[in-house]
Protein backbone atom coordinates (compact mmCIF):
# COMPACT_ATOMS: atom_id res chain seq x y z
CA SER A 1 69.34 16.54 211.91
CA ALA A 2 73.39 17.34 210.79
CA ARG A 3 73.03 21.39 210.64
CA ARG A 4 71.62 21.19 214.28
CA VAL A 5 74.59 18.69 215.36
CA LEU A 6 76.91 21.25 213.80
CA SER A 7 74.91 24.03 215.54
CA GLU A 8 75.53 22.35 218.67
CA VAL A 9 79.52 21.52 217.79
CA ALA A 10 79.07 25.10 217.20
CA GLN A 11 78.26 26.06 220.30
CA ALA A 12 80.60 23.66 221.97
CA GLU A 13 83.32 25.46 220.04
CA ALA A 14 82.44 28.93 221.51
CA VAL A 15 82.59 27.09 225.55
CA CYS A 16 86.07 26.07 224.46
CA ARG A 17 86.90 29.89 222.77
CA ALA A 18 85.88 30.77 226.46
CA HIS A 19 88.41 28.99 227.85
CA PRO A 20 91.49 28.83 226.30
CA GLN A 21 93.36 27.19 228.97
CA ASP A 22 91.52 23.84 228.02
CA ASP A 23 93.17 21.52 225.59
CA LEU A 24 91.41 18.62 226.07
CA LEU A 25 87.68 18.05 225.15
CA ARG A 26 86.40 14.54 226.68
CA LEU A 27 83.19 13.11 225.24
CA SER A 28 81.11 9.95 225.15
CA THR A 29 77.79 9.10 223.51
CA GLY A 30 75.17 6.83 224.65
CA CYS A 31 75.22 4.50 221.66
CA TYR A 32 78.13 2.95 219.82
CA THR A 33 75.91 3.35 216.56
CA VAL A 34 76.61 7.36 216.77
CA TYR A 35 80.39 6.48 215.40
CA GLY A 36 78.78 5.88 212.10
CA TRP A 37 77.95 10.15 211.76
CA LEU A 38 79.79 11.53 214.40
CA PRO A 39 83.52 11.09 213.17
CA PRO A 40 82.79 13.55 209.92
CA ILE A 41 81.65 16.19 212.15
CA LEU A 42 84.23 15.61 215.06
CA GLY A 43 87.26 15.95 211.89
CA GLN A 44 85.93 19.10 211.04
CA TRP A 45 85.79 20.53 214.57
CA GLN A 46 89.45 19.04 214.89
CA SER A 47 90.83 21.03 211.77
CA GLU A 48 89.79 23.87 213.29
CA HIS A 49 90.73 23.45 216.53
CA PRO A 50 94.25 21.66 216.32
CA ARG A 51 95.80 22.62 219.61
CA VAL A 52 92.57 21.04 221.34
CA GLU A 53 93.24 17.24 222.19
CA LEU A 54 89.48 15.40 221.40
CA ARG A 55 89.21 12.61 223.31
CA ILE A 56 86.51 9.85 222.74
CA VAL A 57 85.89 8.04 226.36
CA LEU A 58 84.28 4.41 224.85
CA GLU A 59 84.54 3.38 228.60
CA ALA A 60 81.63 5.94 229.31
CA THR A 61 79.41 5.26 226.62
CA ARG A 62 77.13 3.14 228.89
CA GLN A 63 76.56 5.59 231.54
CA PRO A 64 77.60 8.62 229.72
CA LEU A 65 75.76 11.00 232.11
CA GLY A 66 77.04 9.66 235.17
CA ALA A 67 81.05 9.79 234.07
CA LEU A 68 80.00 13.66 233.21
CA LEU A 69 78.85 14.52 236.70
CA GLU A 70 81.89 12.90 238.12
CA GLY A 71 84.34 14.89 235.85
CA GLN A 72 85.45 12.08 233.58
CA LEU A 73 83.30 13.58 230.62
CA ASP A 74 83.42 17.00 229.46
CA LEU A 75 80.52 16.22 226.46
CA ALA A 76 78.15 13.27 226.84
CA LEU A 77 75.74 12.87 223.80
CA THR A 78 72.81 10.88 224.90
CA PRO A 79 69.01 10.15 224.79
CA ASP A 80 69.06 10.55 228.83
CA VAL A 81 67.30 13.57 230.03
CA PRO A 82 69.74 15.15 232.40
CA LYS A 83 68.10 15.51 235.78
CA GLN A 84 70.86 16.64 237.71
CA ALA A 85 70.59 20.61 238.18
CA ARG A 86 74.46 20.73 237.26
CA LEU A 87 74.09 19.21 233.91
CA ALA A 88 72.77 21.64 230.64
CA ARG A 89 70.76 19.66 228.29
CA THR A 90 70.52 20.90 224.49
CA PRO A 91 68.32 18.52 222.32
CA LEU A 92 70.08 17.78 218.94
CA PHE A 93 67.38 15.84 216.93
CA GLU A 94 65.09 13.17 217.06
CA ASP A 95 65.43 9.54 216.87
CA GLU A 96 63.72 7.36 215.30
CA LEU A 97 63.13 3.84 216.83
CA MET A 98 63.43 1.12 214.22
CA LEU A 99 62.49 -2.11 213.98
CA VAL A 100 65.03 -4.32 212.15
CA VAL A 101 63.30 -7.79 210.40
CA PRO A 102 64.12 -10.16 207.91
CA GLU A 103 62.98 -9.50 204.38
CA ALA A 104 60.89 -12.32 204.59
CA HIS A 105 59.16 -11.33 207.42
CA ALA A 106 55.61 -10.02 208.26
CA PHE A 107 56.59 -6.72 209.61
CA ALA A 108 59.11 -6.00 206.33
CA ARG A 109 55.49 -5.09 204.77
CA ARG A 110 53.99 -2.71 207.74
CA GLY A 111 55.07 1.02 208.19
CA HIS A 112 54.31 0.51 211.70
CA VAL A 113 54.63 -1.97 214.83
CA THR A 114 52.83 -2.29 218.40
CA ALA A 115 54.56 -3.28 221.32
CA GLN A 116 51.96 -6.22 221.21
CA ASP A 117 53.35 -7.60 218.16
CA LEU A 118 56.88 -7.53 219.93
CA VAL A 119 55.83 -9.67 222.52
CA ARG A 120 55.41 -12.79 220.25
CA GLU A 121 58.82 -12.43 218.40
CA HIS A 122 62.40 -13.39 219.64
CA LEU A 123 63.38 -10.28 220.27
CA LEU A 124 67.64 -9.27 219.35
CA THR A 125 69.10 -6.74 221.87
CA TYR A 126 72.40 -5.22 222.69
CA ALA A 127 73.61 -6.43 226.14
CA ALA A 128 73.10 -3.96 228.69
CA PRO A 129 70.69 -3.59 231.34
CA ARG A 130 66.85 -3.63 230.58
CA GLU A 131 66.48 -0.26 231.61
CA GLN A 132 69.44 1.19 229.16
CA LEU A 133 67.02 0.09 226.67
CA ASP A 134 64.75 2.28 224.54
CA VAL A 135 62.50 -0.83 223.20
CA PHE A 136 61.70 -1.81 226.78
CA THR A 137 61.67 2.14 228.57
CA ARG A 138 60.08 3.88 225.05
CA VAL A 139 57.81 0.78 224.02
CA LEU A 140 57.04 -2.24 225.70
CA TRP A 141 56.78 -1.11 229.49
CA PRO A 142 54.40 1.77 229.05
CA ALA A 143 52.20 -0.62 227.19
CA GLY A 144 52.85 -2.88 230.51
CA LEU A 145 54.30 -5.86 228.28
CA GLU A 146 57.55 -8.48 227.92
CA PRO A 147 58.30 -10.21 225.63
CA GLN A 148 58.32 -14.05 225.34
CA ARG A 149 62.00 -14.09 224.22
CA VAL A 150 65.08 -11.75 224.23
CA SER A 151 68.64 -12.56 223.46
CA PRO A 152 71.50 -10.03 224.38
CA VAL A 153 73.94 -9.25 221.91
CA PRO A 154 76.57 -7.41 222.70
CA LEU A 155 77.73 -6.25 218.60
CA THR A 156 75.37 -4.21 216.22
CA GLU A 157 76.87 -6.08 213.50
CA ALA A 158 76.00 -9.54 215.13
CA LEU A 159 72.32 -8.14 215.74
CA ILE A 160 71.74 -7.40 212.51
CA GLU A 161 73.45 -10.93 210.90
CA LEU A 162 70.98 -12.35 213.69
CA VAL A 163 68.00 -10.83 211.87
CA ARG A 164 69.59 -11.70 208.49
CA GLY A 165 69.60 -15.09 209.44
CA GLY A 166 65.82 -15.43 210.87
CA ILE A 167 66.59 -15.39 214.22
CA GLY A 168 64.51 -12.76 215.31
CA VAL A 169 63.73 -9.26 215.34
CA THR A 170 65.87 -6.11 216.84
């Protein structure tokens, strides 16, 4: 995945070289958890382009494509497929959905969980509209299901600790 991401960064570099008057690259992602692997890649890019200011626009994280269309961003890393002809899409990698459960949970010993399995669980999600959450759009809703209990949580670290404490699954 990293090789593909680096390749895409190289393509972004080529775009920057084609527009040398641009001294600012504004980017955002569709998920805060990207900031675990993205900074080293951006650091490498920045060291190769020291005259270009790299600005991460955190405010656009929930709606990066909208911010891109409104001219607030130059680049958006997102799992969303742009439906606007004005936007070009370049797939970087497949993003596998993973379920996080307490160590003693019955699902911890299973290699696969279905949408039906999730219905009976206390589901902890990011504090975002359900239309923006993959667990709903890619798992539950295609199966015509809704979980019995959902609690939105604003921070990844809090989600992990709540799961560790046996409050639910995420």
